[in-house]
């Protein structure tokens, strides 16, 4: 792999519709595989899975940043993500994210603050407007 100090990731095509990427700062790695419905084996995240995951994790991270600033504890928050594909051209049509908050003791102001933060993540701001984002909060 050719290395350049200005680039944060190093990647390699492994063949068989798989890639390998190294996060240079942390040493973390990830592999991708084409999904089963697009000639792959689906043994790793697909590139479009990573985009949907990036949206979900970004939303919760931005909520965490706002929660930290407001001294709201959201530790234990969980979420799930559903990605819906379209064709002609093949693309992500919708990403549905369900966010499950860990307790029911949040005030109405805290809930609104966290929900507002969720709608201001940089990944969401980077997506094409045709990608439908559905965020659903579950306040247990």
N, C-alpha and C. Protein backbone atom coordinates (compact mmCIF):
# COMPACT_ATOMS: atom_id res chain seq x y z
N UNK A 1 0.84 -1.18 0.00
CA UNK A 1 0.00 0.00 0.00
C UNK A 1 0.88 1.24 0.00
N UNK A 2 0.53 2.18 -0.83
CA UNK A 2 1.25 3.45 -0.88
C UNK A 2 0.76 4.33 0.26
N UNK A 3 1.67 4.93 0.98
CA UNK A 3 1.29 5.73 2.14
C UNK A 3 1.56 7.20 1.89
N UNK A 4 0.65 8.04 2.35
CA UNK A 4 0.75 9.49 2.26
C UNK A 4 0.24 10.04 3.58
N UNK A 5 1.03 10.88 4.24
CA UNK A 5 0.69 11.38 5.57
C UNK A 5 -0.61 12.16 5.61
N UNK A 6 -1.06 12.71 4.49
CA UNK A 6 -2.29 13.50 4.46
C UNK A 6 -3.55 12.64 4.41
N UNK A 7 -3.41 11.35 4.21
CA UNK A 7 -4.57 10.47 4.09
C UNK A 7 -4.72 9.65 5.37
N UNK A 8 -5.97 9.54 5.86
CA UNK A 8 -6.23 8.89 7.13
C UNK A 8 -6.38 7.37 7.03
N UNK A 9 -6.64 6.87 5.84
CA UNK A 9 -6.92 5.45 5.66
C UNK A 9 -6.05 4.88 4.55
N UNK A 10 -5.71 3.61 4.69
CA UNK A 10 -5.03 2.86 3.65
C UNK A 10 -5.92 1.70 3.26
N UNK A 11 -6.15 1.50 1.99
CA UNK A 11 -7.04 0.43 1.57
C UNK A 11 -6.42 -0.45 0.50
N UNK A 12 -6.99 -1.64 0.35
CA UNK A 12 -6.51 -2.59 -0.65
C UNK A 12 -7.69 -3.42 -1.14
N UNK A 13 -7.77 -3.62 -2.44
CA UNK A 13 -8.74 -4.54 -3.02
C UNK A 13 -8.18 -5.93 -2.90
N UNK A 14 -8.91 -6.83 -2.24
CA UNK A 14 -8.42 -8.17 -1.97
C UNK A 14 -8.83 -9.18 -3.04
N UNK A 15 -9.67 -8.78 -3.97
CA UNK A 15 -10.22 -9.70 -4.94
C UNK A 15 -11.52 -10.28 -4.40
N UNK A 16 -12.27 -10.93 -5.24
CA UNK A 16 -13.51 -11.55 -4.79
C UNK A 16 -14.52 -10.56 -4.25
N UNK A 17 -14.45 -9.30 -4.72
CA UNK A 17 -15.36 -8.23 -4.32
C UNK A 17 -15.20 -7.82 -2.86
N UNK A 18 -13.99 -8.01 -2.35
CA UNK A 18 -13.69 -7.65 -0.95
C UNK A 18 -12.58 -6.60 -0.89
N UNK A 19 -12.67 -5.76 0.14
CA UNK A 19 -11.62 -4.77 0.39
C UNK A 19 -11.17 -4.85 1.85
N UNK A 20 -10.04 -4.26 2.09
CA UNK A 20 -9.45 -4.16 3.42
C UNK A 20 -9.05 -2.70 3.59
N UNK A 21 -9.35 -2.11 4.75
CA UNK A 21 -8.96 -0.73 5.02
C UNK A 21 -8.37 -0.63 6.42
N UNK A 22 -7.31 0.15 6.53
CA UNK A 22 -6.63 0.41 7.80
C UNK A 22 -6.86 1.86 8.19
N UNK A 23 -7.33 2.07 9.41
CA UNK A 23 -7.43 3.41 10.00
C UNK A 23 -6.06 3.70 10.61
N UNK A 24 -5.31 4.59 9.98
CA UNK A 24 -3.90 4.76 10.33
C UNK A 24 -3.68 5.20 11.77
N UNK A 25 -4.49 6.10 12.27
CA UNK A 25 -4.25 6.62 13.61
C UNK A 25 -4.45 5.56 14.68
N UNK A 26 -5.50 4.74 14.56
CA UNK A 26 -5.82 3.79 15.62
C UNK A 26 -5.31 2.38 15.35
N UNK A 27 -5.08 2.06 14.07
CA UNK A 27 -4.71 0.70 13.73
C UNK A 27 -5.91 -0.21 13.51
N UNK A 28 -7.13 0.33 13.72
CA UNK A 28 -8.33 -0.47 13.46
C UNK A 28 -8.40 -0.82 11.98
N UNK A 29 -9.01 -1.95 11.70
CA UNK A 29 -9.18 -2.37 10.31
C UNK A 29 -10.63 -2.75 10.06
N UNK A 30 -11.00 -2.72 8.82
CA UNK A 30 -12.30 -3.24 8.44
C UNK A 30 -12.21 -3.85 7.06
N UNK A 31 -13.11 -4.77 6.83
CA UNK A 31 -13.21 -5.43 5.53
C UNK A 31 -14.62 -5.19 5.01
N UNK A 32 -14.72 -5.11 3.70
CA UNK A 32 -16.03 -5.04 3.08
C UNK A 32 -16.17 -6.20 2.11
N UNK A 33 -17.41 -6.53 1.84
CA UNK A 33 -17.75 -7.57 0.88
C UNK A 33 -19.00 -7.09 0.15
N UNK A 34 -19.10 -7.37 -1.12
CA UNK A 34 -20.33 -7.06 -1.83
C UNK A 34 -21.46 -7.88 -1.22
N UNK A 35 -22.66 -7.31 -1.19
CA UNK A 35 -23.79 -8.06 -0.62
C UNK A 35 -24.21 -9.21 -1.53
N UNK A 36 -24.90 -10.16 -0.94
CA UNK A 36 -25.35 -11.34 -1.68
C UNK A 36 -26.19 -10.95 -2.89
N UNK A 37 -27.01 -9.91 -2.75
CA UNK A 37 -27.88 -9.50 -3.87
C UNK A 37 -27.13 -8.70 -4.93
N UNK A 38 -25.82 -8.56 -4.76
CA UNK A 38 -25.01 -7.85 -5.77
C UNK A 38 -23.70 -8.59 -6.01
N UNK A 39 -23.77 -9.91 -6.15
CA UNK A 39 -22.66 -10.76 -6.55
C UNK A 39 -21.64 -11.08 -5.46
N UNK A 40 -21.88 -10.65 -4.24
CA UNK A 40 -20.93 -10.93 -3.16
C UNK A 40 -21.38 -12.08 -2.28
N UNK A 41 -20.58 -12.31 -1.24
CA UNK A 41 -20.91 -13.36 -0.28
C UNK A 41 -21.54 -12.80 0.99
N UNK A 42 -21.53 -11.48 1.16
CA UNK A 42 -22.17 -10.86 2.31
C UNK A 42 -21.57 -11.25 3.64
N UNK A 43 -20.26 -11.53 3.66
CA UNK A 43 -19.62 -11.95 4.91
C UNK A 43 -19.09 -10.78 5.74
N UNK A 44 -19.11 -9.60 5.19
CA UNK A 44 -18.68 -8.39 5.90
C UNK A 44 -19.66 -7.28 5.54
N UNK A 45 -19.51 -6.13 6.19
CA UNK A 45 -20.30 -4.97 5.81
C UNK A 45 -20.07 -4.69 4.33
N UNK A 46 -21.11 -4.28 3.63
CA UNK A 46 -20.95 -3.80 2.26
C UNK A 46 -20.67 -2.30 2.34
N UNK A 47 -20.17 -1.70 1.28
CA UNK A 47 -19.98 -0.25 1.31
C UNK A 47 -21.26 0.52 1.64
N UNK A 48 -22.40 0.08 1.11
CA UNK A 48 -23.64 0.79 1.44
C UNK A 48 -24.07 0.53 2.88
N UNK A 49 -23.73 -0.63 3.43
CA UNK A 49 -23.96 -0.88 4.86
C UNK A 49 -23.18 0.12 5.69
N UNK A 50 -21.93 0.37 5.28
CA UNK A 50 -21.10 1.31 6.03
C UNK A 50 -21.68 2.72 6.00
N UNK A 51 -22.26 3.10 4.86
CA UNK A 51 -22.87 4.42 4.79
C UNK A 51 -24.05 4.52 5.74
N UNK A 52 -24.92 3.51 5.73
CA UNK A 52 -26.06 3.50 6.63
C UNK A 52 -25.60 3.48 8.09
N UNK A 53 -24.57 2.69 8.36
CA UNK A 53 -24.01 2.62 9.71
C UNK A 53 -23.39 3.96 10.10
N UNK A 54 -22.72 4.61 9.15
CA UNK A 54 -22.13 5.93 9.42
C UNK A 54 -23.21 6.92 9.83
N UNK A 55 -24.36 6.86 9.16
CA UNK A 55 -25.45 7.77 9.51
C UNK A 55 -25.94 7.48 10.94
N UNK A 56 -26.20 6.22 11.25
CA UNK A 56 -26.69 5.87 12.58
C UNK A 56 -25.71 6.23 13.69
N UNK A 57 -24.45 5.88 13.49
CA UNK A 57 -23.46 6.16 14.53
C UNK A 57 -23.19 7.66 14.65
N UNK A 58 -23.26 8.38 13.54
CA UNK A 58 -23.08 9.83 13.59
C UNK A 58 -24.20 10.49 14.38
N UNK A 59 -25.43 10.07 14.12
CA UNK A 59 -26.58 10.63 14.83
C UNK A 59 -26.42 10.43 16.34
N UNK A 60 -26.09 9.22 16.75
CA UNK A 60 -25.96 8.94 18.18
C UNK A 60 -24.74 9.66 18.77
N UNK A 61 -23.67 9.78 18.00
CA UNK A 61 -22.49 10.52 18.48
C UNK A 61 -22.81 12.00 18.68
N UNK A 62 -23.52 12.60 17.74
CA UNK A 62 -23.90 14.01 17.88
C UNK A 62 -24.84 14.18 19.07
N UNK A 63 -25.74 13.23 19.27
CA UNK A 63 -26.58 13.27 20.47
C UNK A 63 -25.71 13.19 21.72
N UNK A 64 -24.68 12.35 21.69
CA UNK A 64 -23.77 12.22 22.82
C UNK A 64 -23.02 13.50 23.12
N UNK A 65 -22.59 14.19 22.06
CA UNK A 65 -21.89 15.47 22.24
C UNK A 65 -22.82 16.49 22.90
N UNK A 66 -24.06 16.56 22.41
CA UNK A 66 -25.03 17.50 22.98
C UNK A 66 -25.39 17.09 24.41
N UNK A 67 -25.55 15.79 24.64
CA UNK A 67 -25.86 15.30 25.98
C UNK A 67 -24.75 15.65 26.96
N UNK A 68 -23.51 15.50 26.53
CA UNK A 68 -22.37 15.83 27.39
C UNK A 68 -22.39 17.31 27.75
N UNK A 69 -22.65 18.17 26.77
CA UNK A 69 -22.68 19.62 27.01
C UNK A 69 -23.83 20.00 27.95
N UNK A 70 -24.94 19.28 27.85
CA UNK A 70 -26.13 19.57 28.66
C UNK A 70 -26.18 18.76 29.95
N UNK A 71 -25.17 17.92 30.17
CA UNK A 71 -25.12 17.04 31.33
C UNK A 71 -26.34 16.10 31.41
N UNK A 72 -26.64 15.51 30.26
CA UNK A 72 -27.71 14.51 30.15
C UNK A 72 -27.03 13.16 29.94
N UNK A 73 -27.36 12.19 30.73
CA UNK A 73 -26.74 10.87 30.60
C UNK A 73 -27.52 10.03 29.58
N UNK A 74 -26.86 9.68 28.47
CA UNK A 74 -27.50 8.78 27.49
C UNK A 74 -26.73 7.46 27.37
N UNK A 75 -25.85 7.19 28.34
CA UNK A 75 -25.12 5.92 28.33
C UNK A 75 -26.11 4.76 28.26
N UNK A 76 -25.82 3.81 27.42
CA UNK A 76 -26.68 2.65 27.27
C UNK A 76 -27.70 2.79 26.15
N UNK A 77 -27.71 3.95 25.48
CA UNK A 77 -28.60 4.12 24.33
C UNK A 77 -28.24 3.08 23.27
N UNK A 78 -29.25 2.45 22.70
CA UNK A 78 -29.01 1.49 21.62
C UNK A 78 -29.76 1.96 20.38
N UNK A 79 -29.39 1.39 19.25
CA UNK A 79 -30.05 1.77 18.01
C UNK A 79 -29.96 0.62 17.02
N UNK A 80 -30.91 0.61 16.10
CA UNK A 80 -30.80 -0.33 14.99
C UNK A 80 -31.06 0.42 13.70
N UNK A 81 -30.58 -0.17 12.63
CA UNK A 81 -30.55 0.50 11.34
C UNK A 81 -31.09 -0.45 10.27
N UNK A 82 -31.95 0.08 9.42
CA UNK A 82 -32.44 -0.67 8.26
C UNK A 82 -32.17 0.17 7.03
N UNK A 83 -31.55 -0.46 6.04
CA UNK A 83 -31.21 0.20 4.78
C UNK A 83 -32.07 -0.39 3.68
N UNK A 84 -32.68 0.47 2.88
CA UNK A 84 -33.49 0.03 1.75
C UNK A 84 -32.84 0.52 0.46
N UNK A 85 -32.64 -0.40 -0.45
CA UNK A 85 -31.96 -0.08 -1.71
C UNK A 85 -32.99 0.19 -2.81
N UNK A 86 -32.56 0.94 -3.81
CA UNK A 86 -33.33 1.19 -5.03
C UNK A 86 -32.45 0.80 -6.21
N UNK A 87 -33.06 0.74 -7.38
CA UNK A 87 -32.28 0.40 -8.57
C UNK A 87 -32.47 1.47 -9.64
N UNK A 88 -31.65 1.37 -10.66
CA UNK A 88 -31.69 2.28 -11.82
C UNK A 88 -31.55 3.75 -11.45
N UNK A 89 -30.46 4.19 -10.90
CA UNK A 89 -29.27 3.41 -10.57
C UNK A 89 -29.38 2.78 -9.18
N UNK A 90 -28.57 1.74 -8.98
CA UNK A 90 -28.53 1.08 -7.66
C UNK A 90 -27.99 2.09 -6.66
N UNK A 91 -28.76 2.29 -5.59
CA UNK A 91 -28.39 3.30 -4.60
C UNK A 91 -29.18 3.05 -3.32
N UNK A 92 -28.78 3.72 -2.26
CA UNK A 92 -29.55 3.69 -1.02
C UNK A 92 -30.74 4.63 -1.20
N UNK A 93 -31.94 4.11 -1.01
CA UNK A 93 -33.15 4.92 -1.12
C UNK A 93 -33.58 5.46 0.24
N UNK A 94 -33.47 4.61 1.27
CA UNK A 94 -33.92 5.00 2.61
C UNK A 94 -33.02 4.38 3.67
N UNK A 95 -32.87 5.12 4.76
CA UNK A 95 -32.23 4.58 5.96
C UNK A 95 -33.16 4.86 7.12
N UNK A 96 -33.56 3.79 7.81
CA UNK A 96 -34.42 3.90 8.98
C UNK A 96 -33.57 3.61 10.21
N UNK A 97 -33.66 4.49 11.19
CA UNK A 97 -32.89 4.33 12.43
C UNK A 97 -33.84 4.43 13.61
N UNK A 98 -33.84 3.39 14.44
CA UNK A 98 -34.61 3.40 15.67
C UNK A 98 -33.63 3.58 16.82
N UNK A 99 -33.90 4.57 17.65
CA UNK A 99 -33.03 4.89 18.78
C UNK A 99 -33.80 4.59 20.06
N UNK A 100 -33.21 3.74 20.88
CA UNK A 100 -33.85 3.30 22.12
C UNK A 100 -33.11 3.93 23.30
N UNK A 101 -33.77 4.87 23.94
CA UNK A 101 -33.15 5.59 25.05
C UNK A 101 -33.21 4.72 26.31
N UNK A 102 -32.19 4.81 27.16
CA UNK A 102 -32.04 3.85 28.27
C UNK A 102 -32.99 4.03 29.45
N UNK A 103 -33.64 5.17 29.56
CA UNK A 103 -34.57 5.31 30.67
C UNK A 103 -35.67 6.31 30.30
N UNK A 104 -36.67 6.44 31.16
CA UNK A 104 -37.79 7.32 30.87
C UNK A 104 -37.77 8.59 31.72
N UNK A 105 -36.64 8.88 32.31
CA UNK A 105 -36.57 10.02 33.23
C UNK A 105 -36.19 11.33 32.54
N UNK A 106 -36.18 11.36 31.22
CA UNK A 106 -35.80 12.58 30.52
C UNK A 106 -36.96 13.57 30.54
N UNK A 107 -36.63 14.83 30.79
CA UNK A 107 -37.66 15.86 30.73
C UNK A 107 -38.03 16.10 29.27
N UNK A 108 -39.13 16.80 29.06
CA UNK A 108 -39.55 17.13 27.70
C UNK A 108 -38.48 17.98 27.01
N UNK A 109 -37.88 18.91 27.74
CA UNK A 109 -36.82 19.76 27.18
C UNK A 109 -35.62 18.91 26.76
N UNK A 110 -35.22 17.94 27.60
CA UNK A 110 -34.10 17.06 27.27
C UNK A 110 -34.41 16.22 26.03
N UNK A 111 -35.61 15.71 25.95
CA UNK A 111 -36.01 14.92 24.78
C UNK A 111 -35.92 15.75 23.51
N UNK A 112 -36.48 16.94 23.55
CA UNK A 112 -36.45 17.82 22.37
C UNK A 112 -35.02 18.19 22.00
N UNK A 113 -34.19 18.45 22.99
CA UNK A 113 -32.78 18.80 22.75
C UNK A 113 -32.07 17.65 22.05
N UNK A 114 -32.27 16.43 22.52
CA UNK A 114 -31.61 15.27 21.93
C UNK A 114 -32.16 14.97 20.53
N UNK A 115 -33.46 15.08 20.36
CA UNK A 115 -34.05 14.83 19.04
C UNK A 115 -33.57 15.88 18.03
N UNK A 116 -33.48 17.12 18.44
CA UNK A 116 -32.99 18.19 17.56
C UNK A 116 -31.54 17.92 17.17
N UNK A 117 -30.73 17.50 18.13
CA UNK A 117 -29.32 17.20 17.85
C UNK A 117 -29.21 16.07 16.83
N UNK A 118 -30.08 15.08 16.94
CA UNK A 118 -30.04 13.91 16.04
C UNK A 118 -30.21 14.32 14.58
N UNK A 119 -30.88 15.41 14.33
CA UNK A 119 -31.15 15.85 12.97
C UNK A 119 -30.08 16.79 12.43
N UNK A 120 -28.96 16.89 13.12
CA UNK A 120 -27.90 17.79 12.68
C UNK A 120 -26.54 17.10 12.59
N UNK A 121 -26.52 15.86 12.17
CA UNK A 121 -25.24 15.17 12.09
C UNK A 121 -24.57 15.41 10.74
N UNK A 122 -23.25 15.49 10.70
CA UNK A 122 -22.54 15.77 9.46
C UNK A 122 -22.76 14.74 8.36
N UNK A 123 -22.96 13.48 8.72
CA UNK A 123 -23.21 12.48 7.68
C UNK A 123 -24.54 12.77 7.01
N UNK A 124 -25.56 13.05 7.79
CA UNK A 124 -26.87 13.38 7.22
C UNK A 124 -26.76 14.61 6.32
N UNK A 125 -25.99 15.59 6.76
CA UNK A 125 -25.81 16.80 5.96
C UNK A 125 -25.04 16.55 4.67
N UNK A 126 -24.36 15.42 4.58
CA UNK A 126 -23.55 15.08 3.40
C UNK A 126 -24.30 14.21 2.40
N UNK A 127 -25.41 13.65 2.80
CA UNK A 127 -26.15 12.75 1.92
C UNK A 127 -26.97 13.53 0.90
N UNK A 128 -27.19 12.90 -0.24
CA UNK A 128 -28.04 13.49 -1.27
C UNK A 128 -29.46 13.64 -0.70
N UNK A 129 -30.15 14.71 -1.03
CA UNK A 129 -31.50 14.92 -0.50
C UNK A 129 -32.50 13.83 -0.89
N UNK A 130 -32.21 13.04 -1.92
CA UNK A 130 -33.11 11.96 -2.31
C UNK A 130 -33.06 10.77 -1.35
N UNK A 131 -32.03 10.70 -0.50
CA UNK A 131 -31.95 9.61 0.47
C UNK A 131 -32.89 9.95 1.62
N UNK A 132 -33.91 9.14 1.79
CA UNK A 132 -34.89 9.37 2.85
C UNK A 132 -34.34 8.86 4.17
N UNK A 133 -34.35 9.73 5.17
CA UNK A 133 -33.89 9.37 6.51
C UNK A 133 -35.09 9.34 7.45
N UNK A 134 -35.28 8.22 8.12
CA UNK A 134 -36.37 8.09 9.07
C UNK A 134 -35.75 7.79 10.43
N UNK A 135 -35.92 8.71 11.36
CA UNK A 135 -35.38 8.54 12.71
C UNK A 135 -36.56 8.40 13.66
N UNK A 136 -36.55 7.33 14.42
CA UNK A 136 -37.64 7.01 15.34
C UNK A 136 -37.05 6.87 16.74
N UNK A 137 -37.58 7.64 17.68
CA UNK A 137 -37.11 7.58 19.07
C UNK A 137 -38.05 6.73 19.90
N UNK A 138 -37.45 5.91 20.77
CA UNK A 138 -38.21 5.11 21.72
C UNK A 138 -37.75 5.51 23.12
N UNK A 139 -38.59 6.21 23.82
CA UNK A 139 -38.29 6.66 25.18
C UNK A 139 -38.91 5.65 26.14
N UNK A 140 -38.12 4.71 26.63
CA UNK A 140 -38.63 3.62 27.45
C UNK A 140 -39.09 4.07 28.81
